[in-house]
Amino acid sequence: MVTASADYAPEQIMAWARPDKRDLRGWDRSMLARESYVALLGEQAAGFSDVSAEGYIDMLFVSPRFARRGVARQLLTFLELRARGMSASQLSSNVSITARPFFETLGFHVVAEQHPVTGGVVMTNFHMIKELNS
């Protein structure tokens, strides 16, 4: 929530985070349905992400304490290898305004700007893909 505060209003961040309405069992089932990974720096969890067999990345999170240390790059590079290993033809994700430039540096491009409504609040994100042809 800290990192996105430059690009999203407080009410958008709260609607997205839903700290008091998060269905933890549903979230756990969702994470188990995809391959999920935790990045460690030493013994501390620095971030996490996931990838489905089709190459969809639902979440990519790095703790603000570990920002700008290459954690997201390492996670995304690893996810790409996993997706290739599962014969996915592309990686795809719905990416925040904040994360868009980062994804672009790793070869993703915007397919569509989206305006989903979460908790009654309009958001902006981008459906991005990276072809894995080679």
N, C-alpha and C. Protein backbone atom coordinates (compact mmCIF):
# COMPACT_ATOMS: atom_id res chain seq x y z
N MET A 1 0.82 -1.19 0.00
CA MET A 1 0.00 0.00 0.00
C MET A 1 0.87 1.25 0.00
N VAL A 2 2.05 1.14 0.57
CA VAL A 2 2.95 2.29 0.64
C VAL A 2 3.44 2.66 -0.75
N THR A 3 3.89 1.66 -1.50
CA THR A 3 4.46 1.91 -2.82
C THR A 3 3.45 2.51 -3.77
N ALA A 4 2.21 2.05 -3.72
CA ALA A 4 1.18 2.51 -4.66
C ALA A 4 0.60 3.87 -4.30
N SER A 5 0.96 4.41 -3.17
CA SER A 5 0.33 5.66 -2.71
C SER A 5 0.64 6.85 -3.62
N ALA A 6 1.66 6.77 -4.43
CA ALA A 6 1.96 7.86 -5.37
C ALA A 6 1.01 7.86 -6.56
N ASP A 7 0.39 6.71 -6.85
CA ASP A 7 -0.45 6.58 -8.04
C ASP A 7 -1.93 6.36 -7.76
N TYR A 8 -2.28 6.03 -6.53
CA TYR A 8 -3.67 5.74 -6.18
C TYR A 8 -4.09 6.54 -4.95
N ALA A 9 -5.33 6.96 -4.94
CA ALA A 9 -5.89 7.69 -3.80
C ALA A 9 -6.07 6.75 -2.62
N PRO A 10 -6.07 7.27 -1.39
CA PRO A 10 -6.23 6.42 -0.22
C PRO A 10 -7.47 5.51 -0.28
N GLU A 11 -8.59 6.04 -0.80
CA GLU A 11 -9.80 5.20 -0.87
C GLU A 11 -9.64 4.06 -1.88
N GLN A 12 -8.87 4.28 -2.94
CA GLN A 12 -8.59 3.21 -3.90
C GLN A 12 -7.71 2.13 -3.26
N ILE A 13 -6.72 2.55 -2.52
CA ILE A 13 -5.82 1.60 -1.86
C ILE A 13 -6.59 0.76 -0.84
N MET A 14 -7.43 1.38 -0.06
CA MET A 14 -8.21 0.64 0.94
C MET A 14 -9.20 -0.32 0.28
N ALA A 15 -9.82 0.10 -0.83
CA ALA A 15 -10.76 -0.79 -1.54
C ALA A 15 -10.02 -1.99 -2.10
N TRP A 16 -8.82 -1.76 -2.61
CA TRP A 16 -8.03 -2.85 -3.17
C TRP A 16 -7.54 -3.80 -2.07
N ALA A 17 -7.02 -3.25 -0.99
CA ALA A 17 -6.44 -4.06 0.08
C ALA A 17 -7.52 -4.80 0.88
N ARG A 18 -8.67 -4.18 1.08
CA ARG A 18 -9.78 -4.76 1.84
C ARG A 18 -9.31 -5.45 3.11
N PRO A 19 -8.58 -4.76 3.97
CA PRO A 19 -8.00 -5.43 5.14
C PRO A 19 -9.03 -6.08 6.06
N ASP A 20 -10.23 -5.54 6.13
CA ASP A 20 -11.24 -6.10 7.02
C ASP A 20 -12.21 -7.04 6.31
N LYS A 21 -12.05 -7.21 4.98
CA LYS A 21 -12.98 -8.04 4.22
C LYS A 21 -12.28 -9.13 3.42
N ARG A 22 -11.03 -9.35 3.65
CA ARG A 22 -10.26 -10.34 2.89
C ARG A 22 -10.69 -11.74 3.31
N ASP A 23 -11.06 -12.58 2.34
CA ASP A 23 -11.41 -13.98 2.57
C ASP A 23 -10.12 -14.79 2.51
N LEU A 24 -9.52 -15.04 3.67
CA LEU A 24 -8.21 -15.69 3.71
C LEU A 24 -8.26 -17.12 3.18
N ARG A 25 -9.34 -17.84 3.42
CA ARG A 25 -9.44 -19.20 2.88
C ARG A 25 -9.52 -19.18 1.35
N GLY A 26 -10.30 -18.25 0.82
CA GLY A 26 -10.40 -18.11 -0.63
C GLY A 26 -9.07 -17.70 -1.24
N TRP A 27 -8.38 -16.78 -0.56
CA TRP A 27 -7.07 -16.33 -1.02
C TRP A 27 -6.08 -17.48 -1.02
N ASP A 28 -6.11 -18.29 0.05
CA ASP A 28 -5.23 -19.44 0.15
C ASP A 28 -5.52 -20.44 -0.98
N ARG A 29 -6.79 -20.74 -1.25
CA ARG A 29 -7.15 -21.65 -2.34
C ARG A 29 -6.66 -21.10 -3.68
N SER A 30 -6.82 -19.79 -3.86
CA SER A 30 -6.38 -19.14 -5.09
C SER A 30 -4.86 -19.28 -5.27
N MET A 31 -4.11 -19.06 -4.22
CA MET A 31 -2.65 -19.18 -4.29
C MET A 31 -2.23 -20.63 -4.54
N LEU A 32 -2.95 -21.59 -3.96
CA LEU A 32 -2.61 -22.99 -4.16
C LEU A 32 -2.93 -23.46 -5.58
N ALA A 33 -3.88 -22.79 -6.24
CA ALA A 33 -4.26 -23.15 -7.61
C ALA A 33 -3.18 -22.76 -8.61
N ARG A 34 -2.32 -21.84 -8.23
CA ARG A 34 -1.19 -21.43 -9.07
C ARG A 34 0.09 -21.82 -8.33
N GLU A 35 1.19 -21.83 -9.03
CA GLU A 35 2.47 -22.04 -8.37
C GLU A 35 2.85 -20.73 -7.69
N SER A 36 3.01 -20.77 -6.38
CA SER A 36 3.31 -19.57 -5.61
C SER A 36 4.70 -19.68 -5.01
N TYR A 37 5.39 -18.54 -4.94
CA TYR A 37 6.77 -18.53 -4.49
C TYR A 37 7.01 -17.35 -3.56
N VAL A 38 7.90 -17.57 -2.60
CA VAL A 38 8.29 -16.53 -1.66
C VAL A 38 9.78 -16.25 -1.87
N ALA A 39 10.11 -14.96 -1.99
CA ALA A 39 11.52 -14.55 -2.11
C ALA A 39 12.05 -14.25 -0.72
N LEU A 40 13.18 -14.84 -0.41
CA LEU A 40 13.81 -14.62 0.89
C LEU A 40 15.11 -13.85 0.72
N LEU A 41 15.34 -12.91 1.62
CA LEU A 41 16.64 -12.26 1.74
C LEU A 41 17.13 -12.64 3.12
N GLY A 42 18.13 -13.47 3.15
CA GLY A 42 18.52 -14.06 4.42
C GLY A 42 17.39 -14.98 4.86
N GLU A 43 16.90 -14.74 6.04
CA GLU A 43 15.77 -15.53 6.56
C GLU A 43 14.47 -14.75 6.54
N GLN A 44 14.47 -13.58 5.91
CA GLN A 44 13.28 -12.74 5.91
C GLN A 44 12.54 -12.82 4.57
N ALA A 45 11.22 -12.94 4.67
CA ALA A 45 10.39 -12.92 3.46
C ALA A 45 10.42 -11.51 2.88
N ALA A 46 10.90 -11.39 1.65
CA ALA A 46 11.03 -10.09 1.00
C ALA A 46 9.91 -9.82 0.02
N GLY A 47 9.30 -10.87 -0.51
CA GLY A 47 8.22 -10.71 -1.47
C GLY A 47 7.64 -12.05 -1.85
N PHE A 48 6.60 -12.01 -2.68
CA PHE A 48 6.01 -13.25 -3.17
C PHE A 48 5.34 -13.00 -4.52
N SER A 49 5.11 -14.08 -5.23
CA SER A 49 4.41 -14.00 -6.50
C SER A 49 3.88 -15.38 -6.85
N ASP A 50 3.24 -15.48 -8.01
CA ASP A 50 2.66 -16.74 -8.45
C ASP A 50 2.56 -16.74 -9.96
N VAL A 51 2.36 -17.93 -10.52
CA VAL A 51 2.14 -18.05 -11.96
C VAL A 51 1.30 -19.31 -12.21
N SER A 52 0.31 -19.19 -13.08
CA SER A 52 -0.51 -20.34 -13.44
C SER A 52 0.15 -21.10 -14.59
N ALA A 53 -0.36 -22.27 -14.90
CA ALA A 53 0.16 -23.06 -16.02
C ALA A 53 0.01 -22.32 -17.34
N GLU A 54 -0.95 -21.41 -17.42
CA GLU A 54 -1.16 -20.62 -18.63
C GLU A 54 -0.29 -19.37 -18.68
N GLY A 55 0.47 -19.11 -17.59
CA GLY A 55 1.35 -17.96 -17.56
C GLY A 55 0.74 -16.72 -16.94
N TYR A 56 -0.40 -16.86 -16.27
CA TYR A 56 -1.03 -15.69 -15.63
C TYR A 56 -0.40 -15.45 -14.26
N ILE A 57 0.04 -14.22 -14.05
CA ILE A 57 0.60 -13.79 -12.76
C ILE A 57 -0.48 -12.98 -12.06
N ASP A 58 -1.00 -13.52 -10.97
CA ASP A 58 -2.07 -12.82 -10.27
C ASP A 58 -1.52 -11.77 -9.31
N MET A 59 -0.43 -12.11 -8.63
CA MET A 59 0.12 -11.19 -7.63
C MET A 59 1.64 -11.13 -7.72
N LEU A 60 2.16 -9.95 -7.49
CA LEU A 60 3.60 -9.76 -7.34
C LEU A 60 3.74 -8.68 -6.28
N PHE A 61 4.32 -9.05 -5.15
CA PHE A 61 4.44 -8.12 -4.04
C PHE A 61 5.85 -8.17 -3.49
N VAL A 62 6.41 -7.00 -3.22
CA VAL A 62 7.69 -6.88 -2.53
C VAL A 62 7.48 -5.94 -1.35
N SER A 63 7.92 -6.37 -0.19
CA SER A 63 7.83 -5.54 1.00
C SER A 63 8.57 -4.23 0.77
N PRO A 64 7.97 -3.11 1.17
CA PRO A 64 8.67 -1.82 1.01
C PRO A 64 10.06 -1.82 1.67
N ARG A 65 10.25 -2.65 2.69
CA ARG A 65 11.56 -2.73 3.34
C ARG A 65 12.64 -3.27 2.41
N PHE A 66 12.21 -4.00 1.36
CA PHE A 66 13.16 -4.62 0.44
C PHE A 66 13.06 -4.04 -0.97
N ALA A 67 12.40 -2.90 -1.09
CA ALA A 67 12.23 -2.27 -2.40
C ALA A 67 13.58 -1.87 -2.99
N ARG A 68 13.64 -1.89 -4.32
CA ARG A 68 14.81 -1.44 -5.07
C ARG A 68 16.07 -2.27 -4.81
N ARG A 69 15.83 -3.56 -4.50
CA ARG A 69 16.96 -4.47 -4.29
C ARG A 69 16.96 -5.62 -5.31
N GLY A 70 16.10 -5.54 -6.32
CA GLY A 70 16.07 -6.57 -7.35
C GLY A 70 15.17 -7.76 -7.04
N VAL A 71 14.40 -7.68 -5.95
CA VAL A 71 13.55 -8.80 -5.56
C VAL A 71 12.47 -9.06 -6.62
N ALA A 72 11.78 -8.03 -7.06
CA ALA A 72 10.72 -8.20 -8.07
C ALA A 72 11.30 -8.73 -9.37
N ARG A 73 12.44 -8.22 -9.77
CA ARG A 73 13.10 -8.69 -11.00
C ARG A 73 13.43 -10.18 -10.90
N GLN A 74 13.97 -10.58 -9.77
CA GLN A 74 14.31 -11.99 -9.57
C GLN A 74 13.05 -12.87 -9.57
N LEU A 75 12.01 -12.40 -8.90
CA LEU A 75 10.76 -13.16 -8.90
C LEU A 75 10.20 -13.31 -10.31
N LEU A 76 10.14 -12.21 -11.04
CA LEU A 76 9.56 -12.26 -12.39
C LEU A 76 10.41 -13.09 -13.34
N THR A 77 11.72 -13.01 -13.20
CA THR A 77 12.60 -13.84 -14.02
C THR A 77 12.37 -15.33 -13.72
N PHE A 78 12.22 -15.64 -12.45
CA PHE A 78 11.96 -17.02 -12.05
C PHE A 78 10.59 -17.49 -12.57
N LEU A 79 9.57 -16.63 -12.46
CA LEU A 79 8.24 -16.99 -12.96
C LEU A 79 8.27 -17.26 -14.45
N GLU A 80 9.03 -16.48 -15.18
CA GLU A 80 9.14 -16.70 -16.62
C GLU A 80 9.73 -18.08 -16.90
N LEU A 81 10.76 -18.46 -16.18
CA LEU A 81 11.35 -19.79 -16.35
C LEU A 81 10.33 -20.88 -16.03
N ARG A 82 9.58 -20.71 -14.97
CA ARG A 82 8.55 -21.69 -14.59
C ARG A 82 7.48 -21.77 -15.67
N ALA A 83 7.03 -20.63 -16.18
CA ALA A 83 5.99 -20.61 -17.21
C ALA A 83 6.50 -21.31 -18.48
N ARG A 84 7.72 -21.03 -18.86
CA ARG A 84 8.30 -21.71 -20.03
C ARG A 84 8.35 -23.22 -19.79
N GLY A 85 8.69 -23.62 -18.57
CA GLY A 85 8.74 -25.03 -18.22
C GLY A 85 7.37 -25.70 -18.27
N MET A 86 6.32 -24.92 -18.11
CA MET A 86 4.94 -25.43 -18.20
C MET A 86 4.37 -25.25 -19.60
N SER A 87 5.23 -24.83 -20.54
CA SER A 87 4.86 -24.64 -21.94
C SER A 87 3.84 -23.52 -22.16
N ALA A 88 3.85 -22.52 -21.29
CA ALA A 88 2.98 -21.35 -21.50
C ALA A 88 3.52 -20.56 -22.69
N SER A 89 2.63 -20.00 -23.49
CA SER A 89 3.06 -19.23 -24.66
C SER A 89 3.29 -17.76 -24.33
N GLN A 90 2.79 -17.33 -23.17
CA GLN A 90 2.97 -15.94 -22.78
C GLN A 90 2.81 -15.80 -21.27
N LEU A 91 3.33 -14.70 -20.75
CA LEU A 91 3.02 -14.27 -19.39
C LEU A 91 1.99 -13.17 -19.51
N SER A 92 1.06 -13.10 -18.56
CA SER A 92 0.08 -12.03 -18.55
C SER A 92 -0.21 -11.63 -17.11
N SER A 93 -0.63 -10.39 -16.94
CA SER A 93 -0.96 -9.91 -15.61
C SER A 93 -1.77 -8.62 -15.73
N ASN A 94 -2.56 -8.34 -14.72
CA ASN A 94 -3.25 -7.06 -14.59
C ASN A 94 -2.40 -6.22 -13.65
N VAL A 95 -1.75 -5.21 -14.21
CA VAL A 95 -0.66 -4.51 -13.55
C VAL A 95 -1.09 -3.11 -13.13
N SER A 96 -0.67 -2.71 -11.94
CA SER A 96 -1.00 -1.38 -11.43
C SER A 96 -0.27 -0.29 -12.21
N ILE A 97 -0.74 0.93 -12.02
CA ILE A 97 -0.06 2.09 -12.60
C ILE A 97 1.40 2.11 -12.11
N THR A 98 1.57 1.82 -10.84
CA THR A 98 2.90 1.85 -10.21
C THR A 98 3.84 0.82 -10.83
N ALA A 99 3.33 -0.38 -11.08
CA ALA A 99 4.18 -1.47 -11.57
C ALA A 99 4.38 -1.47 -13.08
N ARG A 100 3.58 -0.72 -13.81
CA ARG A 100 3.65 -0.76 -15.28
C ARG A 100 5.07 -0.51 -15.82
N PRO A 101 5.76 0.56 -15.40
CA PRO A 101 7.11 0.79 -15.96
C PRO A 101 8.07 -0.38 -15.70
N PHE A 102 7.97 -0.97 -14.53
CA PHE A 102 8.81 -2.12 -14.20
C PHE A 102 8.53 -3.28 -15.15
N PHE A 103 7.26 -3.62 -15.34
CA PHE A 103 6.91 -4.71 -16.25
C PHE A 103 7.39 -4.41 -17.67
N GLU A 104 7.27 -3.17 -18.08
CA GLU A 104 7.73 -2.80 -19.43
C GLU A 104 9.23 -3.03 -19.59
N THR A 105 10.02 -2.76 -18.55
CA THR A 105 11.46 -2.98 -18.66
C THR A 105 11.81 -4.45 -18.82
N LEU A 106 10.87 -5.33 -18.44
CA LEU A 106 11.11 -6.77 -18.57
C LEU A 106 10.40 -7.37 -19.77
N GLY A 107 10.00 -6.53 -20.72
CA GLY A 107 9.48 -7.02 -21.98
C GLY A 107 7.97 -7.15 -22.10
N PHE A 108 7.23 -6.71 -21.11
CA PHE A 108 5.76 -6.75 -21.19
C PHE A 108 5.27 -5.53 -21.97
N HIS A 109 4.11 -5.66 -22.60
CA HIS A 109 3.48 -4.51 -23.23
C HIS A 109 1.99 -4.49 -22.88
N VAL A 110 1.44 -3.29 -22.90
CA VAL A 110 0.04 -3.09 -22.54
C VAL A 110 -0.86 -3.56 -23.67
N VAL A 111 -1.83 -4.39 -23.31
CA VAL A 111 -2.85 -4.84 -24.25
C VAL A 111 -4.09 -3.96 -24.09
N ALA A 112 -4.39 -3.58 -22.83
CA ALA A 112 -5.58 -2.76 -22.57
C ALA A 112 -5.45 -2.03 -21.24
N GLU A 113 -5.91 -0.79 -21.23
CA GLU A 113 -6.11 -0.08 -19.97
C GLU A 113 -7.46 -0.53 -19.45
N GLN A 114 -7.53 -0.82 -18.15
CA GLN A 114 -8.76 -1.33 -17.55
C GLN A 114 -9.19 -0.44 -16.40
N HIS A 115 -10.49 -0.48 -16.11
CA HIS A 115 -11.03 0.31 -14.99
C HIS A 115 -11.98 -0.56 -14.17
N PRO A 116 -11.41 -1.55 -13.47
CA PRO A 116 -12.26 -2.41 -12.65
C PRO A 116 -12.82 -1.65 -11.45
N VAL A 117 -13.96 -2.11 -10.96
CA VAL A 117 -14.57 -1.53 -9.77
C VAL A 117 -14.36 -2.52 -8.63
N THR A 118 -13.70 -2.07 -7.59
CA THR A 118 -13.41 -2.90 -6.42
C THR A 118 -13.99 -2.22 -5.20
N GLY A 119 -14.88 -2.92 -4.51
CA GLY A 119 -15.49 -2.33 -3.32
C GLY A 119 -16.21 -1.03 -3.63
N GLY A 120 -16.77 -0.92 -4.83
CA GLY A 120 -17.48 0.28 -5.23
C GLY A 120 -16.59 1.43 -5.68
N VAL A 121 -15.29 1.20 -5.76
CA VAL A 121 -14.33 2.24 -6.13
C VAL A 121 -13.69 1.88 -7.47
N VAL A 122 -13.68 2.85 -8.39
CA VAL A 122 -13.08 2.63 -9.71
C VAL A 122 -11.56 2.71 -9.59
N MET A 123 -10.90 1.71 -10.18
CA MET A 123 -9.45 1.64 -10.18
C MET A 123 -8.95 1.80 -11.62
N THR A 124 -7.67 1.89 -11.80
CA THR A 124 -7.05 1.82 -13.12
C THR A 124 -5.92 0.82 -13.04
N ASN A 125 -5.90 -0.10 -14.02
CA ASN A 125 -4.76 -0.99 -14.17
C ASN A 125 -4.59 -1.33 -15.64
N PHE A 126 -3.61 -2.14 -15.95
CA PHE A 126 -3.29 -2.44 -17.34
C PHE A 126 -3.14 -3.95 -17.51
N HIS A 127 -3.84 -4.50 -18.50
CA HIS A 127 -3.61 -5.89 -18.84
C HIS A 127 -2.37 -5.91 -19.72
N MET A 128 -1.34 -6.61 -19.25
CA MET A 128 -0.06 -6.64 -19.95
C MET A 128 0.31 -8.08 -20.26
N ILE A 129 1.03 -8.25 -21.36
CA ILE A 129 1.50 -9.58 -21.73
C ILE A 129 2.97 -9.51 -22.17
N LYS A 130 3.59 -10.68 -22.10
CA LYS A 130 4.93 -10.86 -22.65
C LYS A 130 4.91 -12.19 -23.38
N GLU A 131 5.16 -12.16 -24.67
CA GLU A 131 5.18 -13.39 -25.46
C GLU A 131 6.41 -14.21 -25.09
N LEU A 132 6.24 -15.53 -25.05
CA LEU A 132 7.32 -16.44 -24.72
C LEU A 132 7.60 -17.38 -25.89
N ASN A 133 7.68 -16.83 -27.07
CA ASN A 133 7.84 -17.64 -28.28
C ASN A 133 9.16 -18.38 -28.34
N SER A 134 10.21 -17.79 -27.84
CA SER A 134 11.52 -18.42 -28.00
C SER A 134 11.93 -19.21 -26.79
